[in-house]
Amino acid sequence: MAFREIDDDLWEIIRKYLPSTKPHIGRPRRDPRGLINGILYVLTTGCTWHDVPEKYGTKSTVHRYHLELCERGAYQAIFLDLLQSGYEIRKVDLTHCSTDTKDIVAKKGDQPAMMAIRR
């Protein structure tokens, strides 16, 4: 799957859900658009964080930003806004989606994962 950086329309929707570029302590963050593109690069290509192109930031910076967005619930908010705003979903290629199941509870394989979740 080929990676494409986010366009200006998508950026206008996404940027309002991102944390400030100037944290309370420490030095300012890298360009958030570059960090988002780095995250999307990993998620789209399936590569490891180690393989993020340098133009998006270091692997640890991009990965930390991704974890922060997860903790803030930013991805859910962005997705809901995209749906509610009528963003042309054809611009987002959903043909190769996957789910990370590492957080699904299972007891040493004796119960199917879905049975463990329903409890």
PDB file of N, CA and C in Angstrom:
ATOM      1  N   MET A   1       0.853  -1.177   0.000  1.00  0.00           N
ATOM      2  CA  MET A   1       0.000   0.000   0.000  1.00  0.00           C
ATOM      3  C   MET A   1       0.897   1.237   0.000  1.00  0.00           C
ATOM      4  N   ALA A   2       0.591   2.168  -0.860  1.00  0.00           N
ATOM      5  CA  ALA A   2       1.375   3.393  -0.965  1.00  0.00           C
ATOM      6  C   ALA A   2       0.937   4.387   0.107  1.00  0.00           C
ATOM      7  N   PHE A   3       1.904   5.066   0.688  1.00  0.00           N
ATOM      8  CA  PHE A   3       1.611   6.060   1.715  1.00  0.00           C
ATOM      9  C   PHE A   3       1.467   7.428   1.067  1.00  0.00           C
ATOM     10  N   ARG A   4       0.425   8.161   1.479  1.00  0.00           N
ATOM     11  CA  ARG A   4       0.239   9.548   1.052  1.00  0.00           C
ATOM     12  C   ARG A   4       0.108  10.407   2.295  1.00  0.00           C
ATOM     13  N   GLU A   5       0.805  11.538   2.306  1.00  0.00           N
ATOM     14  CA  GLU A   5       0.688  12.457   3.434  1.00  0.00           C
ATOM     15  C   GLU A   5      -0.708  13.068   3.452  1.00  0.00           C
ATOM     16  N   ILE A   6      -1.133  13.518   4.638  1.00  0.00           N
ATOM     17  CA  ILE A   6      -2.478  14.076   4.753  1.00  0.00           C
ATOM     18  C   ILE A   6      -2.578  15.397   3.992  1.00  0.00           C
ATOM     19  N   ASP A   7      -3.748  15.625   3.442  1.00  0.00           N
ATOM     20  CA  ASP A   7      -3.957  16.861   2.679  1.00  0.00           C
ATOM     21  C   ASP A   7      -4.396  17.987   3.613  1.00  0.00           C
ATOM     22  N   ASP A   8      -4.507  19.190   3.076  1.00  0.00           N
ATOM     23  CA  ASP A   8      -4.846  20.367   3.880  1.00  0.00           C
ATOM     24  C   ASP A   8      -6.241  20.287   4.490  1.00  0.00           C
ATOM     25  N   ASP A   9      -7.197  19.715   3.758  1.00  0.00           N
ATOM     26  CA  ASP A   9      -8.562  19.587   4.288  1.00  0.00           C
ATOM     27  C   ASP A   9      -8.586  18.696   5.522  1.00  0.00           C
ATOM     28  N   LEU A  10      -7.918  17.561   5.430  1.00  0.00           N
ATOM     29  CA  LEU A  10      -7.871  16.635   6.565  1.00  0.00           C
ATOM     30  C   LEU A  10      -7.101  17.258   7.725  1.00  0.00           C
ATOM     31  N   TRP A  11      -6.043  17.982   7.415  1.00  0.00           N
ATOM     32  CA  TRP A  11      -5.246  18.615   8.468  1.00  0.00           C
ATOM     33  C   TRP A  11      -6.082  19.614   9.272  1.00  0.00           C
ATOM     34  N   GLU A  12      -6.938  20.378   8.613  1.00  0.00           N
ATOM     35  CA  GLU A  12      -7.782  21.356   9.305  1.00  0.00           C
ATOM     36  C   GLU A  12      -8.706  20.676  10.312  1.00  0.00           C
ATOM     37  N   ILE A  13      -9.174  19.477   9.990  1.00  0.00           N
ATOM     38  CA  ILE A  13     -10.034  18.741  10.914  1.00  0.00           C
ATOM     39  C   ILE A  13      -9.222  18.164  12.066  1.00  0.00           C
ATOM     40  N   ILE A  14      -8.070  17.603  11.758  1.00  0.00           N
ATOM     41  CA  ILE A  14      -7.258  16.902  12.765  1.00  0.00           C
ATOM     42  C   ILE A  14      -6.623  17.848  13.775  1.00  0.00           C
ATOM     43  N   ARG A  15      -6.113  18.965  13.331  1.00  0.00           N
ATOM     44  CA  ARG A  15      -5.253  19.781  14.190  1.00  0.00           C
ATOM     45  C   ARG A  15      -5.918  20.319  15.450  1.00  0.00           C
ATOM     46  N   LYS A  16      -7.224  20.484  15.444  1.00  0.00           N
ATOM     47  CA  LYS A  16      -7.885  21.004  16.642  1.00  0.00           C
ATOM     48  C   LYS A  16      -7.921  19.989  17.787  1.00  0.00           C
ATOM     49  N   TYR A  17      -7.638  18.723  17.504  1.00  0.00           N
ATOM     50  CA  TYR A  17      -7.636  17.680  18.542  1.00  0.00           C
ATOM     51  C   TYR A  17      -6.237  17.355  19.067  1.00  0.00           C
ATOM     52  N   LEU A  18      -5.240  18.026  18.543  1.00  0.00           N
ATOM     53  CA  LEU A  18      -3.867  17.737  18.935  1.00  0.00           C
ATOM     54  C   LEU A  18      -3.423  18.600  20.109  1.00  0.00           C
ATOM     55  N   PRO A  19      -2.505  18.078  20.925  1.00  0.00           N
ATOM     56  CA  PRO A  19      -2.007  18.872  22.052  1.00  0.00           C
ATOM     57  C   PRO A  19      -1.214  20.080  21.570  1.00  0.00           C
ATOM     58  N   SER A  20      -1.055  21.026  22.458  1.00  0.00           N
ATOM     59  CA  SER A  20      -0.318  22.249  22.149  1.00  0.00           C
ATOM     60  C   SER A  20       1.112  21.921  21.736  1.00  0.00           C
ATOM     61  N   THR A  21       1.665  22.750  20.837  1.00  0.00           N
ATOM     62  CA  THR A  21       3.045  22.519  20.411  1.00  0.00           C
ATOM     63  C   THR A  21       4.039  23.054  21.435  1.00  0.00           C
ATOM     64  N   LYS A  22       3.548  23.837  22.387  1.00  0.00           N
ATOM     65  CA  LYS A  22       4.441  24.371  23.410  1.00  0.00           C
ATOM     66  C   LYS A  22       4.041  23.784  24.762  1.00  0.00           C
ATOM     67  N   PRO A  23       4.747  22.747  25.203  1.00  0.00           N
ATOM     68  CA  PRO A  23       4.411  22.138  26.490  1.00  0.00           C
ATOM     69  C   PRO A  23       4.752  23.063  27.652  1.00  0.00           C
ATOM     70  N   HIS A  24       4.246  22.734  28.837  1.00  0.00           N
ATOM     71  CA  HIS A  24       4.498  23.555  30.023  1.00  0.00           C
ATOM     72  C   HIS A  24       5.980  23.600  30.376  1.00  0.00           C
ATOM     73  N   ILE A  25       6.658  22.489  30.179  1.00  0.00           N
ATOM     74  CA  ILE A  25       8.102  22.441  30.461  1.00  0.00           C
ATOM     75  C   ILE A  25       8.809  21.847  29.258  1.00  0.00           C
ATOM     76  N   GLY A  26      10.090  22.069  29.185  1.00  0.00           N
ATOM     77  CA  GLY A  26      10.888  21.502  28.107  1.00  0.00           C
ATOM     78  C   GLY A  26      10.829  22.329  26.846  1.00  0.00           C
ATOM     79  N   ARG A  27      11.394  21.770  25.810  1.00  0.00           N
ATOM     80  CA  ARG A  27      11.445  22.501  24.545  1.00  0.00           C
ATOM     81  C   ARG A  27      10.188  22.249  23.711  1.00  0.00           C
ATOM     82  N   PRO A  28       9.907  23.121  22.761  1.00  0.00           N
ATOM     83  CA  PRO A  28       8.713  22.962  21.926  1.00  0.00           C
ATOM     84  C   PRO A  28       8.748  21.659  21.129  1.00  0.00           C
ATOM     85  N   ARG A  29       7.582  21.156  20.812  1.00  0.00           N
ATOM     86  CA  ARG A  29       7.475  19.925  20.029  1.00  0.00           C
ATOM     87  C   ARG A  29       7.872  20.176  18.584  1.00  0.00           C
ATOM     88  N   ARG A  30       8.087  19.073  17.907  1.00  0.00           N
ATOM     89  CA  ARG A  30       8.273  19.145  16.460  1.00  0.00           C
ATOM     90  C   ARG A  30       6.951  19.539  15.821  1.00  0.00           C
ATOM     91  N   ASP A  31       6.988  19.762  14.543  1.00  0.00           N
ATOM     92  CA  ASP A  31       5.791  20.095  13.787  1.00  0.00           C
ATOM     93  C   ASP A  31       4.771  18.957  13.925  1.00  0.00           C
ATOM     94  N   PRO A  32       3.579  19.237  14.466  1.00  0.00           N
ATOM     95  CA  PRO A  32       2.596  18.171  14.683  1.00  0.00           C
ATOM     96  C   PRO A  32       2.130  17.509  13.386  1.00  0.00           C
ATOM     97  N   ARG A  33       2.103  18.253  12.304  1.00  0.00           N
ATOM     98  CA  ARG A  33       1.693  17.640  11.030  1.00  0.00           C
ATOM     99  C   ARG A  33       2.704  16.584  10.593  1.00  0.00           C
ATOM    100  N   GLY A  34       3.969  16.867  10.802  1.00  0.00           N
ATOM    101  CA  GLY A  34       5.004  15.879  10.493  1.00  0.00           C
ATOM    102  C   GLY A  34       4.892  14.644  11.375  1.00  0.00           C
ATOM    103  N   LEU A  35       4.601  14.871  12.661  1.00  0.00           N
ATOM    104  CA  LEU A  35       4.442  13.744  13.579  1.00  0.00           C
ATOM    105  C   LEU A  35       3.243  12.879  13.193  1.00  0.00           C
ATOM    106  N   ILE A  36       2.131  13.516  12.833  1.00  0.00           N
ATOM    107  CA  ILE A  36       0.944  12.771  12.395  1.00  0.00           C
ATOM    108  C   ILE A  36       1.265  11.978  11.135  1.00  0.00           C
ATOM    109  N   ASN A  37       1.970  12.603  10.195  1.00  0.00           N
ATOM    110  CA  ASN A  37       2.353  11.882   8.982  1.00  0.00           C
ATOM    111  C   ASN A  37       3.268  10.710   9.300  1.00  0.00           C
ATOM    112  N   GLY A  38       4.146  10.868  10.291  1.00  0.00           N
ATOM    113  CA  GLY A  38       5.005   9.766  10.713  1.00  0.00           C
ATOM    114  C   GLY A  38       4.202   8.613  11.291  1.00  0.00           C
ATOM    115  N   ILE A  39       3.212   8.936  12.112  1.00  0.00           N
ATOM    116  CA  ILE A  39       2.338   7.904  12.684  1.00  0.00           C
ATOM    117  C   ILE A  39       1.580   7.198  11.564  1.00  0.00           C
ATOM    118  N   LEU A  40       0.995   7.973  10.658  1.00  0.00           N
ATOM    119  CA  LEU A  40       0.241   7.377   9.553  1.00  0.00           C
ATOM    120  C   LEU A  40       1.145   6.556   8.636  1.00  0.00           C
ATOM    121  N   TYR A  41       2.405   6.961   8.505  1.00  0.00           N
ATOM    122  CA  TYR A  41       3.353   6.184   7.700  1.00  0.00           C
ATOM    123  C   TYR A  41       3.511   4.780   8.279  1.00  0.00           C
ATOM    124  N   VAL A  42       3.705   4.706   9.593  1.00  0.00           N
ATOM    125  CA  VAL A  42       3.864   3.400  10.246  1.00  0.00           C
ATOM    126  C   VAL A  42       2.588   2.577  10.120  1.00  0.00           C
ATOM    127  N   LEU A  43       1.444   3.197  10.375  1.00  0.00           N
ATOM    128  CA  LEU A  43       0.181   2.476  10.341  1.00  0.00           C
ATOM    129  C   LEU A  43      -0.191   2.044   8.924  1.00  0.00           C
ATOM    130  N   THR A  44       0.168   2.829   7.929  1.00  0.00           N
ATOM    131  CA  THR A  44      -0.177   2.506   6.550  1.00  0.00           C
ATOM    132  C   THR A  44       0.742   1.445   5.957  1.00  0.00           C
ATOM    133  N   THR A  45       2.037   1.594   6.187  1.00  0.00           N
ATOM    134  CA  THR A  45       2.999   0.682   5.561  1.00  0.00           C
ATOM    135  C   THR A  45       3.196  -0.596   6.363  1.00  0.00           C
ATOM    136  N   GLY A  46       2.881  -0.559   7.655  1.00  0.00           N
ATOM    137  CA  GLY A  46       3.088  -1.743   8.483  1.00  0.00           C
ATOM    138  C   GLY A  46       4.522  -1.903   8.946  1.00  0.00           C
ATOM    139  N   CYS A  47       5.341  -0.878   8.755  1.00  0.00           N
ATOM    140  CA  CYS A  47       6.733  -0.956   9.194  1.00  0.00           C
ATOM    141  C   CYS A  47       6.817  -0.751  10.705  1.00  0.00           C
ATOM    142  N   THR A  48       8.004  -0.886  11.251  1.00  0.00           N
ATOM    143  CA  THR A  48       8.202  -0.647  12.676  1.00  0.00           C
ATOM    144  C   THR A  48       8.462   0.833  12.907  1.00  0.00           C
ATOM    145  N   TRP A  49       8.365   1.244  14.149  1.00  0.00           N
ATOM    146  CA  TRP A  49       8.645   2.647  14.496  1.00  0.00           C
ATOM    147  C   TRP A  49      10.085   2.999  14.139  1.00  0.00           C
ATOM    148  N   HIS A  50      10.957   2.025  14.166  1.00  0.00           N
ATOM    149  CA  HIS A  50      12.367   2.246  13.844  1.00  0.00           C
ATOM    150  C   HIS A  50      12.549   2.724  12.395  1.00  0.00           C
ATOM    151  N   ASP A  51      11.592   2.380  11.522  1.00  0.00           N
ATOM    152  CA  ASP A  51      11.706   2.702  10.100  1.00  0.00           C
ATOM    153  C   ASP A  51      11.014   3.993   9.687  1.00  0.00           C
ATOM    154  N   VAL A  52      10.581   4.805  10.640  1.00  0.00           N
ATOM    155  CA  VAL A  52       9.953   6.090  10.310  1.00  0.00           C
ATOM    156  C   VAL A  52      10.983   6.980   9.611  1.00  0.00           C
ATOM    157  N   PRO A  53      10.639   7.546   8.453  1.00  0.00           N
ATOM    158  CA  PRO A  53      11.576   8.454   7.782  1.00  0.00           C
ATOM    159  C   PRO A  53      11.946   9.638   8.689  1.00  0.00           C
ATOM    160  N   GLU A  54      13.180  10.054   8.632  1.00  0.00           N
ATOM    161  CA  GLU A  54      13.681  11.117   9.503  1.00  0.00           C
ATOM    162  C   GLU A  54      12.949  12.439   9.328  1.00  0.00           C
ATOM    163  N   LYS A  55      12.374  12.677   8.152  1.00  0.00           N
ATOM    164  CA  LYS A  55      11.691  13.956   7.927  1.00  0.00           C
ATOM    165  C   LYS A  55      10.469  14.119   8.829  1.00  0.00           C
ATOM    166  N   TYR A  56       9.954  13.012   9.407  1.00  0.00           N
ATOM    167  CA  TYR A  56       8.807  13.087  10.311  1.00  0.00           C
ATOM    168  C   TYR A  56       9.222  13.176  11.777  1.00  0.00           C
ATOM    169  N   GLY A  57      10.467  12.972  12.063  1.00  0.00           N
ATOM    170  CA  GLY A  57      10.960  12.999  13.442  1.00  0.00           C
ATOM    171  C   GLY A  57      11.646  11.686  13.775  1.00  0.00           C
ATOM    172  N   THR A  58      12.228  11.635  14.949  1.00  0.00           N
ATOM    173  CA  THR A  58      12.887  10.399  15.360  1.00  0.00           C
ATOM    174  C   THR A  58      11.830   9.355  15.698  1.00  0.00           C
ATOM    175  N   LYS A  59      12.243   8.102  15.669  1.00  0.00           N
ATOM    176  CA  LYS A  59      11.288   7.024  15.956  1.00  0.00           C
ATOM    177  C   LYS A  59      10.675   7.171  17.333  1.00  0.00           C
ATOM    178  N   SER A  60      11.491   7.581  18.308  1.00  0.00           N
ATOM    179  CA  SER A  60      10.964   7.701  19.669  1.00  0.00           C
ATOM    180  C   SER A  60      10.020   8.894  19.801  1.00  0.00           C
ATOM    181  N   THR A  61      10.294   9.990  19.111  1.00  0.00           N
ATOM    182  CA  THR A  61       9.418  11.161  19.165  1.00  0.00           C
ATOM    183  C   THR A  61       8.062  10.852  18.543  1.00  0.00           C
ATOM    184  N   VAL A  62       8.073  10.214  17.384  1.00  0.00           N
ATOM    185  CA  VAL A  62       6.824   9.875  16.702  1.00  0.00           C
ATOM    186  C   VAL A  62       6.027   8.877  17.537  1.00  0.00           C
ATOM    187  N   HIS A  63       6.713   7.877  18.086  1.00  0.00           N
ATOM    188  CA  HIS A  63       6.019   6.868  18.895  1.00  0.00           C
ATOM    189  C   HIS A  63       5.454   7.471  20.175  1.00  0.00           C
ATOM    190  N   ARG A  64       6.197   8.334  20.851  1.00  0.00           N
ATOM    191  CA  ARG A  64       5.689   8.993  22.072  1.00  0.00           C
ATOM    192  C   ARG A  64       4.452   9.838  21.763  1.00  0.00           C
ATOM    193  N   TYR A  65       4.484  10.529  20.636  1.00  0.00           N
ATOM    194  CA  TYR A  65       3.343  11.354  20.237  1.00  0.00           C
ATOM    195  C   TYR A  65       2.121  10.472  19.990  1.00  0.00           C
ATOM    196  N   HIS A  66       2.326   9.344  19.340  1.00  0.00           N
ATOM    197  CA  HIS A  66       1.247   8.387  19.103  1.00  0.00           C
ATOM    198  C   HIS A  66       0.654   7.906  20.426  1.00  0.00           C
ATOM    199  N   LEU A  67       1.499   7.557  21.384  1.00  0.00           N
ATOM    200  CA  LEU A  67       1.018   7.098  22.693  1.00  0.00           C
ATOM    201  C   LEU A  67       0.242   8.200  23.414  1.00  0.00           C
ATOM    202  N   GLU A  68       0.720   9.440  23.305  1.00  0.00           N
ATOM    203  CA  GLU A  68       0.017  10.557  23.939  1.00  0.00           C
ATOM    204  C   GLU A  68      -1.368  10.748  23.320  1.00  0.00           C
ATOM    205  N   LEU A  69      -1.454  10.648  22.006  1.00  0.00           N
ATOM    206  CA  LEU A  69      -2.753  10.787  21.346  1.00  0.00           C
ATOM    207  C   LEU A  69      -3.698   9.656  21.754  1.00  0.00           C
ATOM    208  N   CYS A  70      -3.159   8.462  21.927  1.00  0.00           N
ATOM    209  CA  CYS A  70      -3.973   7.330  22.393  1.00  0.00           C
ATOM    210  C   CYS A  70      -4.524   7.613  23.781  1.00  0.00           C
ATOM    211  N   GLU A  71      -3.666   8.071  24.680  1.00  0.00           N
ATOM    212  CA  GLU A  71      -4.081   8.347  26.058  1.00  0.00           C
ATOM    213  C   GLU A  71      -5.120   9.460  26.132  1.00  0.00           C
ATOM    214  N   ARG A  72      -5.022  10.447  25.272  1.00  0.00           N
ATOM    215  CA  ARG A  72      -5.956  11.573  25.262  1.00  0.00           C
ATOM    216  C   ARG A  72      -7.286  11.239  24.590  1.00  0.00           C
ATOM    217  N   GLY A  73      -7.344  10.114  23.890  1.00  0.00           N
ATOM    218  CA  GLY A  73      -8.549   9.766  23.147  1.00  0.00           C
ATOM    219  C   GLY A  73      -8.707  10.588  21.879  1.00  0.00           C
ATOM    220  N   ALA A  74      -7.602  11.124  21.382  1.00  0.00           N
ATOM    221  CA  ALA A  74      -7.647  12.009  20.213  1.00  0.00           C
ATOM    222  C   ALA A  74      -8.093  11.276  18.955  1.00  0.00           C
ATOM    223  N   TYR A  75      -7.689  10.029  18.798  1.00  0.00           N
ATOM    224  CA  TYR A  75      -8.053   9.297  17.586  1.00  0.00           C
ATOM    225  C   TYR A  75      -9.562   9.109  17.478  1.00  0.00           C
ATOM    226  N   GLN A  76     -10.203   8.782  18.585  1.00  0.00           N
ATOM    227  CA  GLN A  76     -11.653   8.612  18.567  1.00  0.00           C
ATOM    228  C   GLN A  76     -12.344   9.930  18.223  1.00  0.00           C
ATOM    229  N   ALA A  77     -11.875  11.011  18.813  1.00  0.00           N
ATOM    230  CA  ALA A  77     -12.466  12.324  18.555  1.00  0.00           C
ATOM    231  C   ALA A  77     -12.283  12.727  17.090  1.00  0.00           C
ATOM    232  N   ILE A  78     -11.109  12.476  16.541  1.00  0.00           N
ATOM    233  CA  ILE A  78     -10.842  12.807  15.139  1.00  0.00           C
ATOM    234  C   ILE A  78     -11.753  11.991  14.225  1.00  0.00           C
ATOM    235  N   PHE A  79     -11.848  10.693  14.488  1.00  0.00           N
ATOM    236  CA  PHE A  79     -12.669   9.834  13.644  1.00  0.00           C
ATOM    237  C   PHE A  79     -14.133  10.261  13.680  1.00  0.00           C
ATOM    238  N   LEU A  80     -14.650  10.562  14.866  1.00  0.00           N
ATOM    239  CA  LEU A  80     -16.042  10.998  14.973  1.00  0.00           C
ATOM    240  C   LEU A  80     -16.275  12.316  14.239  1.00  0.00           C
ATOM    241  N   ASP A  81     -15.325  13.227  14.354  1.00  0.00           N
ATOM    242  CA  ASP A  81     -15.454  14.504  13.654  1.00  0.00           C
ATOM    243  C   ASP A  81     -15.447  14.288  12.141  1.00  0.00           C
ATOM    244  N   LEU A  82     -14.588  13.387  11.668  1.00  0.00           N
ATOM    245  CA  LEU A  82     -14.552  13.102  10.232  1.00  0.00           C
ATOM    246  C   LEU A  82     -15.897  12.574   9.749  1.00  0.00           C
ATOM    247  N   LEU A  83     -16.496  11.707  10.533  1.00  0.00           N
ATOM    248  CA  LEU A  83     -17.798  11.161  10.160  1.00  0.00           C
ATOM    249  C   LEU A  83     -18.878  12.231  10.198  1.00  0.00           C
ATOM    250  N   GLN A  84     -18.889  13.057  11.258  1.00  0.00           N
ATOM    251  CA  GLN A  84     -19.931  14.072  11.423  1.00  0.00           C
ATOM    252  C   GLN A  84     -19.783  15.225  10.439  1.00  0.00           C
ATOM    253  N   SER A  85     -18.563  15.540  10.072  1.00  0.00           N
ATOM    254  CA  SER A  85     -18.357  16.674   9.174  1.00  0.00           C
ATOM    255  C   SER A  85     -18.587  16.312   7.713  1.00  0.00           C
ATOM    256  N   GLY A  86     -18.793  15.027   7.447  1.00  0.00           N
ATOM    257  CA  GLY A  86     -19.015  14.616   6.069  1.00  0.00           C
ATOM    258  C   GLY A  86     -17.746  14.617   5.254  1.00  0.00           C
ATOM    259  N   TYR A  87     -16.596  14.447   5.912  1.00  0.00           N
ATOM    260  CA  TYR A  87     -15.329  14.388   5.177  1.00  0.00           C
ATOM    261  C   TYR A  87     -15.436  13.307   4.108  1.00  0.00           C
ATOM    262  N   GLU A  88     -14.975  13.618   2.941  1.00  0.00           N
ATOM    263  CA  GLU A  88     -15.081  12.676   1.832  1.00  0.00           C
ATOM    264  C   GLU A  88     -14.251  11.437   2.151  1.00  0.00           C
ATOM    265  N   ILE A  89     -14.916  10.415   2.644  1.00  0.00           N
ATOM    266  CA  ILE A  89     -14.243   9.226   3.160  1.00  0.00           C
ATOM    267  C   ILE A  89     -13.463   8.488   2.076  1.00  0.00           C
ATOM    268  N   ARG A  90     -13.762   8.760   0.819  1.00  0.00           N
ATOM    269  CA  ARG A  90     -13.003   8.109  -0.254  1.00  0.00           C
ATOM    270  C   ARG A  90     -11.539   8.545  -0.243  1.00  0.00           C
ATOM    271  N   LYS A  91     -11.246   9.663   0.410  1.00  0.00           N
ATOM    272  CA  LYS A  91      -9.861  10.110   0.511  1.00  0.00           C
ATOM    273  C   LYS A  91      -9.077   9.253   1.502  1.00  0.00           C
ATOM    274  N   VAL A  92      -9.792   8.539   2.367  1.00  0.00           N
ATOM    275  CA  VAL A  92      -9.153   7.680   3.348  1.00  0.00           C
ATOM    276  C   VAL A  92      -9.296   6.245   2.865  1.00  0.00           C
ATOM    277  N   ASP A  93      -8.176   5.581   2.625  1.00  0.00           N
ATOM    278  CA  ASP A  93      -8.191   4.221   2.101  1.00  0.00           C
ATOM    279  C   ASP A  93      -8.350   3.238   3.247  1.00  0.00           C
ATOM    280  N   LEU A  94      -9.523   2.610   3.338  1.00  0.00           N
ATOM    281  CA  LEU A  94      -9.809   1.664   4.409  1.00  0.00           C
ATOM    282  C   LEU A  94      -9.737   0.216   3.927  1.00  0.00           C
ATOM    283  N   THR A  95      -9.089  -0.026   2.796  1.00  0.00           N
ATOM    284  CA  THR A  95      -9.035  -1.383   2.270  1.00  0.00           C
ATOM    285  C   THR A  95      -8.107  -2.281   3.060  1.00  0.00           C
ATOM    286  N   HIS A  96      -7.167  -1.723   3.769  1.00  0.00           N
ATOM    287  CA  HIS A  96      -6.233  -2.522   4.552  1.00  0.00           C
ATOM    288  C   HIS A  96      -6.293  -2.079   6.010  1.00  0.00           C
ATOM    289  N   CYS A  97      -7.293  -2.506   6.728  1.00  0.00           N
ATOM    290  CA  CYS A  97      -7.442  -2.169   8.137  1.00  0.00           C
ATOM    291  C   CYS A  97      -7.145  -3.401   8.971  1.00  0.00           C
ATOM    292  N   SER A  98      -6.659  -3.183  10.161  1.00  0.00           N
ATOM    293  CA  SER A  98      -6.406  -4.304  11.056  1.00  0.00           C
ATOM    294  C   SER A  98      -6.716  -3.875  12.481  1.00  0.00           C
ATOM    295  N   THR A  99      -6.858  -4.863  13.330  1.00  0.00           N
ATOM    296  CA  THR A  99      -7.135  -4.613  14.731  1.00  0.00           C
ATOM    297  C   THR A  99      -6.040  -5.240  15.562  1.00  0.00           C
ATOM    298  N   ASP A 100      -5.519  -4.495  16.504  1.00  0.00           N
ATOM    299  CA  ASP A 100      -4.509  -5.022  17.413  1.00  0.00           C
ATOM    300  C   ASP A 100      -5.238  -5.668  18.582  1.00  0.00           C
ATOM    301  N   THR A 101      -5.066  -6.970  18.745  1.00  0.00           N
ATOM    302  CA  THR A 101      -5.807  -7.705  19.768  1.00  0.00           C
ATOM    303  C   THR A 101      -4.984  -8.011  21.000  1.00  0.00           C
ATOM    304  N   LYS A 102      -3.882  -7.346  21.199  1.00  0.00           N
ATOM    305  CA  LYS A 102      -3.032  -7.672  22.348  1.00  0.00           C
ATOM    306  C   LYS A 102      -3.700  -7.371  23.680  1.00  0.00           C
ATOM    307  N   ASP A 103      -4.709  -6.520  23.703  1.00  0.00           N
ATOM    308  CA  ASP A 103      -5.375  -6.169  24.957  1.00  0.00           C
ATOM    309  C   ASP A 103      -6.622  -7.003  25.244  1.00  0.00           C
ATOM    310  N   ILE A 104      -6.930  -7.955  24.370  1.00  0.00           N
ATOM    311  CA  ILE A 104      -8.085  -8.814  24.605  1.00  0.00           C
ATOM    312  C   ILE A 104      -7.694  -9.877  25.626  1.00  0.00           C
ATOM    313  N   VAL A 105      -8.507 -10.001  26.647  1.00  0.00           N
ATOM    314  CA  VAL A 105      -8.226 -10.943  27.721  1.00  0.00           C
ATOM    315  C   VAL A 105      -8.530 -12.362  27.256  1.00  0.00           C
ATOM    316  N   ALA A 106      -7.610 -13.279  27.473  1.00  0.00           N
ATOM    317  CA  ALA A 106      -7.827 -14.706  27.206  1.00  0.00           C
ATOM    318  C   ALA A 106      -7.055 -15.489  28.255  1.00  0.00           C
ATOM    319  N   LYS A 107      -7.653 -16.536  28.745  1.00  0.00           N
ATOM    320  CA  LYS A 107      -7.037 -17.342  29.799  1.00  0.00           C
ATOM    321  C   LYS A 107      -6.341 -18.542  29.184  1.00  0.00           C
ATOM    322  N   LYS A 108      -5.104 -18.417  28.850  1.00  0.00           N
ATOM    323  CA  LYS A 108      -4.262 -19.492  28.330  1.00  0.00           C
ATOM    324  C   LYS A 108      -4.918 -20.308  27.233  1.00  0.00           C
ATOM    325  N   GLY A 109      -5.683 -19.654  26.415  1.00  0.00           N
ATOM    326  CA  GLY A 109      -6.256 -20.305  25.246  1.00  0.00           C
ATOM    327  C   GLY A 109      -7.454 -21.202  25.518  1.00  0.00           C
ATOM    328  N   ASP A 110      -7.933 -21.286  26.757  1.00  0.00           N
ATOM    329  CA  ASP A 110      -9.055 -22.183  27.027  1.00  0.00           C
ATOM    330  C   ASP A 110     -10.404 -21.562  26.682  1.00  0.00           C
ATOM    331  N   GLN A 111     -10.452 -20.253  26.445  1.00  0.00           N
ATOM    332  CA  GLN A 111     -11.693 -19.598  26.044  1.00  0.00           C
ATOM    333  C   GLN A 111     -11.426 -18.759  24.809  1.00  0.00           C
ATOM    334  N   PRO A 112     -12.368 -18.738  23.888  1.00  0.00           N
ATOM    335  CA  PRO A 112     -12.213 -17.835  22.745  1.00  0.00           C
ATOM    336  C   PRO A 112     -12.156 -16.380  23.228  1.00  0.00           C
ATOM    337  N   ALA A 113     -11.451 -15.555  22.508  1.00  0.00           N
ATOM    338  CA  ALA A 113     -11.256 -14.163  22.911  1.00  0.00           C
ATOM    339  C   ALA A 113     -12.596 -13.434  23.085  1.00  0.00           C
ATOM    340  N   MET A 114     -13.557 -13.678  22.208  1.00  0.00           N
ATOM    341  CA  MET A 114     -14.831 -12.973  22.306  1.00  0.00           C
ATOM    342  C   MET A 114     -15.605 -13.388  23.561  1.00  0.00           C
ATOM    343  N   MET A 115     -15.477 -14.623  23.981  1.00  0.00           N
ATOM    344  CA  MET A 115     -16.140 -15.073  25.197  1.00  0.00           C
ATOM    345  C   MET A 115     -15.548 -14.358  26.410  1.00  0.00           C
ATOM    346  N   ALA A 116     -14.231 -14.135  26.386  1.00  0.00           N
ATOM    347  CA  ALA A 116     -13.573 -13.465  27.509  1.00  0.00           C
ATOM    348  C   ALA A 116     -14.016 -12.014  27.604  1.00  0.00           C
ATOM    349  N   ILE A 117     -14.280 -11.384  26.480  1.00  0.00           N
ATOM    350  CA  ILE A 117     -14.690  -9.967  26.491  1.00  0.00           C
ATOM    351  C   ILE A 117     -16.113  -9.821  27.024  1.00  0.00           C
ATOM    352  N   ARG A 118     -16.992 -10.737  26.707  1.00  0.00           N
ATOM    353  CA  ARG A 118     -18.400 -10.620  27.092  1.00  0.00           C
ATOM    354  C   ARG A 118     -18.638 -10.755  28.587  1.00  0.00           C
ATOM    355  N   ARG A 119     -17.714 -11.290  29.297  1.00  0.00           N
ATOM    356  CA  ARG A 119     -17.888 -11.489  30.742  1.00  0.00           C
ATOM    357  C   ARG A 119     -17.947 -10.220  31.484  1.00  0.00           C
TER     358      ARG A 119
END
